[in-house]
Protein backbone atom coordinates (compact mmCIF):
# COMPACT_ATOMS: atom_id res chain seq x y z
CA UNK A 1 13.64 -19.87 1.14
CA UNK A 2 9.91 -18.95 0.38
CA UNK A 3 8.90 -15.54 1.55
CA UNK A 4 5.78 -13.40 1.31
CA UNK A 5 5.74 -9.66 1.36
CA UNK A 6 2.27 -8.27 2.75
CA UNK A 7 0.86 -4.94 1.43
CA UNK A 8 -2.34 -3.07 1.04
CA UNK A 9 -5.05 -3.58 -1.66
CA UNK A 10 -3.94 -1.94 -4.90
CA UNK A 11 -0.32 -1.95 -4.25
CA UNK A 12 0.44 -5.60 -5.22
CA UNK A 13 1.87 -4.85 -8.74
CA UNK A 14 4.06 -1.89 -7.39
CA UNK A 15 5.41 -4.20 -4.57
CA UNK A 16 6.31 -6.92 -7.16
CA UNK A 17 8.39 -4.47 -9.10
CA UNK A 18 10.20 -3.48 -5.86
CA UNK A 19 10.92 -7.05 -5.31
CA UNK A 20 12.57 -7.53 -8.66
CA UNK A 21 14.90 -4.86 -7.82
CA UNK A 22 16.14 -6.38 -4.51
CA UNK A 23 16.79 -9.76 -6.24
CA UNK A 24 13.55 -11.67 -5.53
CA UNK A 25 12.84 -14.58 -7.74
CA UNK A 26 9.69 -16.53 -8.77
CA UNK A 27 7.63 -13.58 -8.03
CA UNK A 28 3.78 -14.20 -7.80
CA UNK A 29 1.25 -11.47 -7.05
CA UNK A 30 -1.54 -12.63 -4.48
CA UNK A 31 -4.28 -10.57 -2.70
CA UNK A 32 -2.72 -7.94 -0.56
CA UNK A 33 0.50 -9.84 -0.78
CA UNK A 34 3.35 -10.96 -3.12
CA UNK A 35 4.98 -14.31 -2.82
CA UNK A 36 8.60 -14.84 -3.79
CA UNK A 37 11.80 -16.80 -3.30
CA UNK A 38 15.01 -15.41 -1.89
CA UNK A 39 17.81 -16.10 0.38
CA UNK A 40 18.73 -14.46 3.81
CA UNK A 41 20.34 -11.53 1.93
CA UNK A 42 17.14 -10.86 -0.06
CA UNK A 43 14.95 -11.04 3.06
CA UNK A 44 17.15 -8.54 4.83
CA UNK A 45 17.18 -6.15 1.80
CA UNK A 46 13.42 -6.56 1.66
CA UNK A 47 13.05 -5.22 5.16
CA UNK A 48 15.42 -2.35 4.62
CA UNK A 49 14.56 -1.31 1.04
CA UNK A 50 10.74 -2.00 0.25
CA UNK A 51 8.69 1.02 0.47
CA UNK A 52 5.35 -0.65 -0.43
CA UNK A 53 5.49 -3.62 1.97
CA UNK A 54 4.10 -3.82 5.43
CA UNK A 55 5.76 -7.16 6.56
CA UNK A 56 8.13 -9.77 5.24
CA UNK A 57 7.14 -13.36 6.27
CA UNK A 58 9.23 -16.48 6.00
CA UNK A 59 7.19 -19.55 5.07
CA UNK A 60 7.13 -22.51 7.32
CA UNK A 61 4.40 -24.96 6.50
CA UNK A 62 0.90 -25.28 5.10
CA UNK A 63 -1.76 -27.84 6.18
CA UNK A 64 -5.49 -28.26 6.33
CA UNK A 65 -7.86 -28.37 9.38
CA UNK A 66 -11.56 -27.71 9.84
CA UNK A 67 -11.64 -27.07 13.59
CA UNK A 68 -9.35 -25.68 16.40
CA UNK A 69 -8.57 -29.34 17.71
CA UNK A 70 -7.35 -30.56 14.35
CA UNK A 71 -5.21 -27.51 13.91
CA UNK A 72 -3.79 -27.95 17.48
CA UNK A 73 -2.74 -31.52 16.61
CA UNK A 74 -1.00 -30.53 13.29
CA UNK A 75 0.74 -27.54 14.79
CA UNK A 76 2.03 -29.73 17.49
CA UNK A 77 3.54 -32.12 15.17
CA UNK A 78 5.99 -29.36 13.64
CA UNK A 79 9.52 -29.61 14.67
CA UNK A 80 9.60 -26.49 16.84
CA UNK A 81 12.90 -27.27 18.34
CA UNK A 82 14.39 -26.27 15.09
CA UNK A 83 13.30 -22.69 15.44
CA UNK A 84 12.91 -22.15 19.25
CA UNK A 85 14.23 -23.33 22.67
CA UNK A 86 12.56 -23.27 26.06
CA UNK A 87 14.48 -20.19 26.85
CA UNK A 88 13.11 -18.16 23.87
CA UNK A 89 9.72 -16.31 23.61
CA UNK A 90 7.14 -16.37 20.94
CA UNK A 91 3.84 -14.77 20.11
CA UNK A 92 1.09 -15.49 17.64
CA UNK A 93 -0.52 -13.20 15.31
CA UNK A 94 -3.53 -14.80 13.56
CA UNK A 95 -5.57 -13.72 10.54
CA UNK A 96 -8.64 -15.61 9.81
CA UNK A 97 -11.06 -15.64 6.80
CA UNK A 98 -12.90 -18.96 7.21
CA UNK A 99 -16.23 -20.57 7.85
CA UNK A 100 -14.55 -23.13 9.84
CA UNK A 101 -12.65 -20.74 12.18
CA UNK A 102 -14.63 -17.73 13.68
CA UNK A 103 -12.17 -16.18 16.06
CA UNK A 104 -8.71 -15.16 15.39
CA UNK A 105 -7.79 -14.91 19.00
CA UNK A 106 -8.97 -18.42 19.81
CA UNK A 107 -7.11 -19.82 16.87
CA UNK A 108 -4.01 -17.97 17.97
CA UNK A 109 -4.59 -19.24 21.64
CA UNK A 110 -4.76 -22.87 20.40
CA UNK A 111 -1.59 -22.39 18.32
CA UNK A 112 0.13 -21.12 21.26
CA UNK A 113 -1.07 -24.18 23.40
CA UNK A 114 0.30 -26.56 20.77
CA UNK A 115 3.65 -25.12 20.77
CA UNK A 116 3.89 -24.95 24.53
CA UNK A 117 2.63 -28.43 24.81
CA UNK A 118 5.21 -29.67 22.29
CA UNK A 119 8.07 -28.42 24.36
CA UNK A 120 6.51 -29.40 27.56
CA UNK A 121 6.20 -33.15 26.47
CA UNK A 122 9.83 -33.16 25.11
CA UNK A 123 11.64 -31.30 27.92
CA UNK A 124 9.17 -30.77 30.88
CA UNK A 125 9.45 -26.87 30.16
CA UNK A 126 7.84 -24.57 27.81
CA UNK A 127 8.81 -21.19 26.27
CA UNK A 128 7.09 -18.04 27.36
CA UNK A 129 4.81 -15.80 25.40
CA UNK A 130 5.96 -12.32 24.81
CA UNK A 131 3.58 -10.17 22.66
CA UNK A 132 5.92 -7.15 22.81
CA UNK A 133 9.29 -8.40 21.71
CA UNK A 134 9.24 -12.13 21.11
CA UNK A 135 12.19 -14.18 19.85
CA UNK A 136 9.77 -15.32 17.02
CA UNK A 137 6.49 -13.70 15.83
CA UNK A 138 4.48 -16.42 14.39
CA UNK A 139 1.92 -15.44 11.70
CA UNK A 140 -0.99 -17.70 11.39
CA UNK A 141 -2.99 -17.27 8.21
CA UNK A 142 -6.22 -19.27 7.95
CA UNK A 143 -8.22 -19.10 4.50
CA UNK A 144 -11.17 -21.57 4.85
CA UNK A 145 -9.54 -24.85 5.78
CA UNK A 146 -6.06 -23.92 4.58
CA UNK A 147 -3.59 -22.91 7.34
CA UNK A 148 -0.25 -21.30 6.65
CA UNK A 149 2.26 -20.76 9.20
CA UNK A 150 5.03 -18.28 8.69
CA UNK A 151 7.60 -16.40 10.70
CA UNK A 152 7.51 -12.48 10.66
CA UNK A 153 10.81 -11.16 9.94
CA UNK A 154 9.93 -7.63 10.29
CA UNK A 155 8.61 -7.50 13.88
CA UNK A 156 7.15 -4.02 14.01
CA UNK A 157 5.15 -3.12 10.79
CA UNK A 158 7.45 -1.74 8.10
CA UNK A 159 5.51 1.43 7.74
CA UNK A 160 6.82 2.63 11.14
CA UNK A 161 9.78 4.42 9.57
CA UNK A 162 10.39 6.46 12.66
CA UNK A 163 9.79 10.00 11.40
CA UNK A 164 6.19 10.29 12.74
CA UNK A 165 7.13 11.86 16.05
CA UNK A 166 3.86 13.56 16.54
CA UNK A 167 0.39 12.48 15.39
CA UNK A 168 -1.67 15.00 13.32
CA UNK A 169 -5.38 14.30 12.60
CA UNK A 170 -6.06 11.41 10.16
CA UNK A 171 -2.33 10.82 8.89
CA UNK A 172 -2.04 8.74 5.80
CA UNK A 173 -0.19 5.39 6.30
CA UNK A 174 3.45 5.58 5.22
CA UNK A 175 3.27 2.56 2.92
CA UNK A 176 0.20 3.87 1.16
CA UNK A 177 1.84 7.21 0.68
CA UNK A 178 5.03 5.51 -0.80
CA UNK A 179 2.81 3.23 -3.05
CA UNK A 180 0.97 6.36 -4.46
CA UNK A 181 4.25 7.79 -5.39
CA UNK A 182 5.34 4.74 -7.05
CA UNK A 183 2.06 4.39 -8.91
CA UNK A 184 2.35 8.04 -10.17
CA UNK A 185 5.53 7.12 -12.00
CA UNK A 186 7.66 9.90 -10.49
CA UNK A 187 11.26 9.30 -11.26
CA UNK A 188 12.70 11.77 -8.75
CA UNK A 189 13.82 13.92 -11.85
CA UNK A 190 11.24 16.70 -11.66
CA UNK A 191 9.94 18.84 -8.67
CA UNK A 192 7.45 17.31 -6.29
CA UNK A 193 4.59 19.03 -4.43
CA UNK A 194 1.70 18.30 -1.95
CA UNK A 195 -0.27 21.49 -1.47
CA UNK A 196 -2.41 19.79 1.39
CA UNK A 197 0.41 18.05 3.10
CA UNK A 198 -0.95 17.92 6.73
CA UNK A 199 1.86 16.41 8.86
CA UNK A 200 4.03 15.68 5.76
CA UNK A 201 3.85 11.93 5.13
CA UNK A 202 3.72 12.19 1.32
CA UNK A 203 6.53 14.67 0.96
CA UNK A 204 8.53 12.73 3.57
CA UNK A 205 8.27 9.68 1.43
CA UNK A 206 9.16 11.58 -1.71
CA UNK A 207 12.26 13.07 -0.02
CA UNK A 208 13.51 9.64 0.97
CA UNK A 209 13.02 8.49 -2.61
CA UNK A 210 14.84 11.42 -4.14
CA UNK A 211 17.89 11.05 -1.69
CA UNK A 212 17.89 7.22 -2.37
CA UNK A 213 17.37 6.78 1.51
CA UNK A 214 15.77 3.19 2.29
CA UNK A 215 12.58 3.76 4.17
CA UNK A 216 13.68 1.69 7.10
CA UNK A 217 17.30 2.73 7.37
CA UNK A 218 16.91 4.47 10.82
CA UNK A 219 15.05 1.45 12.41
CA UNK A 220 16.96 -0.11 15.25
CA UNK A 221 15.48 -3.40 15.23
CA UNK A 222 13.83 -6.00 12.98
CA UNK A 223 12.28 -9.36 14.06
CA UNK A 224 14.90 -11.38 12.27
CA UNK A 225 17.59 -9.83 14.49
CA UNK A 226 16.26 -12.10 17.33
CA UNK A 227 16.42 -15.34 15.34
CA UNK A 228 19.03 -17.90 15.97
CA UNK A 229 20.47 -17.61 12.54
CA UNK A 230 20.73 -13.81 12.51
CA UNK A 231 23.92 -12.73 10.47
CA UNK A 232 25.00 -9.47 11.90
CA UNK A 233 27.93 -9.15 9.53
CA UNK A 234 25.65 -9.54 6.41
CA UNK A 235 23.23 -7.07 7.75
CA UNK A 236 26.01 -4.49 8.41
CA UNK A 237 27.15 -4.85 4.94
CA UNK A 238 23.70 -4.40 3.49
CA UNK A 239 23.14 -1.31 5.62
CA UNK A 240 26.61 0.30 4.78
CA UNK A 241 25.98 -0.19 1.01
CA UNK A 242 22.68 1.67 1.42
CA UNK A 243 24.31 4.47 3.34
CA UNK A 244 26.90 4.85 0.76
CA UNK A 245 24.29 5.07 -1.97
CA UNK A 246 22.54 8.05 -0.40
CA UNK A 247 22.68 11.14 -2.60
CA UNK A 248 21.58 14.77 -2.59
CA UNK A 249 18.44 15.35 -4.66
CA UNK A 250 18.80 17.71 -7.68
CA UNK A 251 15.15 18.69 -7.55
CA UNK A 252 12.91 20.51 -4.89
CA UNK A 253 10.18 18.89 -2.64
CA UNK A 254 7.48 21.19 -1.41
CA UNK A 255 4.72 20.69 1.16
CA UNK A 256 2.09 23.35 2.21
CA UNK A 257 -1.05 23.35 4.18
CA UNK A 258 -3.47 25.85 5.68
CA UNK A 259 -2.84 24.58 9.13
CA UNK A 260 0.12 26.06 10.93
CA UNK A 261 0.05 23.30 13.53
CA UNK A 262 0.36 20.66 10.80
CA UNK A 263 3.25 22.27 9.27
CA UNK A 264 4.91 22.65 12.49
CA UNK A 265 4.65 18.98 13.13
CA UNK A 266 5.85 18.24 9.42
CA UNK A 267 8.81 20.47 9.95
CA UNK A 268 9.88 19.10 13.32
CA UNK A 269 9.42 15.41 11.90
CA UNK A 270 11.67 16.19 8.93
CA UNK A 271 14.18 17.92 11.11
CA UNK A 272 14.43 15.00 13.56
CA UNK A 273 14.62 12.41 10.85
CA UNK A 274 17.23 14.41 8.79
CA UNK A 275 15.14 15.18 5.87
CA UNK A 276 14.39 18.87 6.31
CA UNK A 277 17.23 20.03 3.90
CA UNK A 278 15.31 18.36 1.06
CA UNK A 279 11.86 19.81 1.74
CA UNK A 280 10.35 23.26 1.77
CA UNK A 281 7.51 23.53 4.09
CA UNK A 282 5.06 26.50 3.95
CA UNK A 283 1.80 27.31 5.73
CA UNK A 284 -0.58 28.38 2.78
CA UNK A 285 -3.96 27.84 1.59
CA UNK A 286 -3.83 25.63 -1.51
CA UNK A 287 -5.40 28.61 -3.57
CA UNK A 288 -2.35 30.76 -2.98
CA UNK A 289 0.34 28.07 -3.79
CA UNK A 290 2.42 28.60 -6.98
CA UNK A 291 4.16 25.67 -8.69
CA UNK A 292 7.74 25.43 -8.17
CA UNK A 293 8.63 24.59 -11.72
CA UNK A 294 7.07 24.40 -15.13
CA UNK A 295 6.62 20.64 -14.89
CA UNK A 296 6.63 18.06 -11.91
CA UNK A 297 4.38 15.80 -9.91
CA UNK A 298 1.52 16.90 -7.55
CA UNK A 299 -0.04 14.51 -5.26
CA UNK A 300 -2.86 15.53 -2.91
CA UNK A 301 -4.95 13.81 -0.08
CA UNK A 302 -7.70 16.40 0.46
CA UNK A 303 -10.33 16.17 3.16
CA UNK A 304 -13.00 13.63 2.14
CA UNK A 305 -15.69 13.54 4.98
CA UNK A 306 -18.02 16.03 6.84
CA UNK A 307 -16.30 15.28 10.13
CA UNK A 308 -13.57 17.86 9.07
CA UNK A 309 -16.31 20.59 8.85
CA UNK A 310 -15.50 21.89 5.32
CA UNK A 311 -17.86 22.36 2.34
CA UNK A 312 -16.50 19.29 0.36
CA UNK A 313 -18.34 20.29 -2.91
CA UNK A 314 -16.89 23.69 -3.07
CA UNK A 315 -13.50 22.47 -1.93
CA UNK A 316 -13.08 20.08 -4.76
CA UNK A 317 -14.49 22.55 -7.34
CA UNK A 318 -11.97 25.15 -6.16
CA UNK A 319 -9.25 22.51 -6.25
CA UNK A 320 -10.12 21.67 -9.91
CA UNK A 321 -9.97 25.44 -10.73
CA UNK A 322 -6.58 25.70 -9.14
CA UNK A 323 -5.19 22.74 -10.99
CA UNK A 324 -6.35 24.07 -14.29
CA UNK A 325 -5.11 27.56 -13.81
CA UNK A 326 -1.58 26.78 -12.08
CA UNK A 327 -0.51 23.25 -12.61
CA UNK A 328 -0.94 22.80 -16.32
CA UNK A 329 1.61 20.26 -17.68
CA UNK A 330 2.08 18.77 -14.23
CA UNK A 331 1.25 15.18 -13.27
CA UNK A 332 -1.59 15.67 -10.82
CA UNK A 333 -2.90 12.78 -8.61
CA UNK A 334 -5.73 13.10 -5.97
CA UNK A 335 -6.56 10.51 -3.31
CA UNK A 336 -9.95 10.69 -1.83
CA UNK A 337 -12.69 8.22 -0.50
CA UNK A 338 -15.36 10.52 -1.62
CA UNK A 339 -16.01 9.59 -5.29
CA UNK A 340 -18.71 12.08 -5.77
CA UNK A 341 -16.33 14.77 -4.92
CA UNK A 342 -13.66 13.53 -7.04
CA UNK A 343 -16.04 13.71 -10.03
CA UNK A 344 -16.41 17.51 -9.22
CA UNK A 345 -12.77 18.18 -9.97
CA UNK A 346 -12.41 19.68 -13.49
CA UNK A 347 -10.16 18.73 -15.49
CA UNK A 348 -11.38 15.22 -15.77
CA UNK A 349 -9.46 12.08 -14.62
CA UNK A 350 -7.36 10.22 -17.23
CA UNK A 351 -6.30 7.24 -14.99
CA UNK A 352 -8.17 5.60 -12.00
CA UNK A 353 -6.59 3.47 -9.26
CA UNK A 354 -8.50 1.98 -6.31
CA UNK A 355 -6.62 1.75 -3.04
CA UNK A 356 -7.48 1.21 0.59
CA UNK A 357 -6.57 3.88 3.29
CA UNK A 358 -6.97 1.55 6.29
CA UNK A 359 -10.49 0.10 5.86
CA UNK A 360 -11.65 3.04 3.61
CA UNK A 361 -11.73 2.49 -0.14
CA UNK A 362 -10.43 5.44 -2.00
CA UNK A 363 -9.87 6.46 -5.51
CA UNK A 364 -6.38 7.68 -6.59
CA UNK A 365 -6.97 9.39 -9.76
CA UNK A 366 -4.81 11.25 -12.27
CA UNK A 367 -6.12 14.47 -13.84
CA UNK A 368 -5.31 15.78 -17.25
CA UNK A 369 -3.81 19.20 -16.84
CA UNK A 370 -1.92 19.21 -20.15
CA UNK A 371 -2.20 22.26 -22.49
CA UNK A 372 -3.47 21.58 -25.95
């Protein structure tokens, strides 16, 4: 079975390492994706365990076309009865980067027509489109004239873990937060802190790692559960194995923020999701926070634009002062899209990664706080 795990720019190598752990073979790093081989069990494990993946796609076919009519004819030639019946539903999600195809919605529409016409000619009936909960969600990827059709085994994007019960302003994506922690090299053996935690996404991801809780353990449904070859017994075994591997962390995780509202949201989310016992939340200015141990990992996503009405220059200078005075010998990482502001932090960075937070390019930089 040929599969592809989709991710964000900058997380591809991290995702490849995760895939090795779940048993993937022939792993190949692509742009915002990683291709690999695996059986049904591997596909199920990917959906449950991968922290840096957004979707898991099962490859169907690839062909070339330079216009919608040519694409329509080739889509129609696929043996759709092998995957669908007229009583099933489907939807098409198109991603287009091509000089030949200008509109992703029209490409999806023509693909839908081809599938419906395939069934109508063979049976006199056609399956229905259901964009909310289809039997099969078809991924249509067009790169110039190369067209790849896959089935989305995840359904809802995998970043929707289920703990975000309330939205705080500008929350960081769960997959990005997990990817940052994996990039930092934190092994869940030392304390972890976020002193600008907002609604708590980074510390929630850290808590799940420390407790060995798969990121999507509490999701009720995945796309593959609606497929005709769904193996419920196999899925139950995989989930039971995961539950039996959960442990109590031996370290502490701390989240603080100067917004009491944000801390309230974070506490409630952690409580509802069953992670509250692993995380200490505290309303506090970052200037007043003290490290919870002599060494550990600190990851921060500070404000980075003027919309939040803060003096960014002073904020980042003060942050550097705090890091030098309080967090020596800690691994300190900062995510920000404001590169000028990142340069204001003293100590100076010793590692630089470049990531995307949605459409925004960000620096994820590690700073040297070591003594001596």
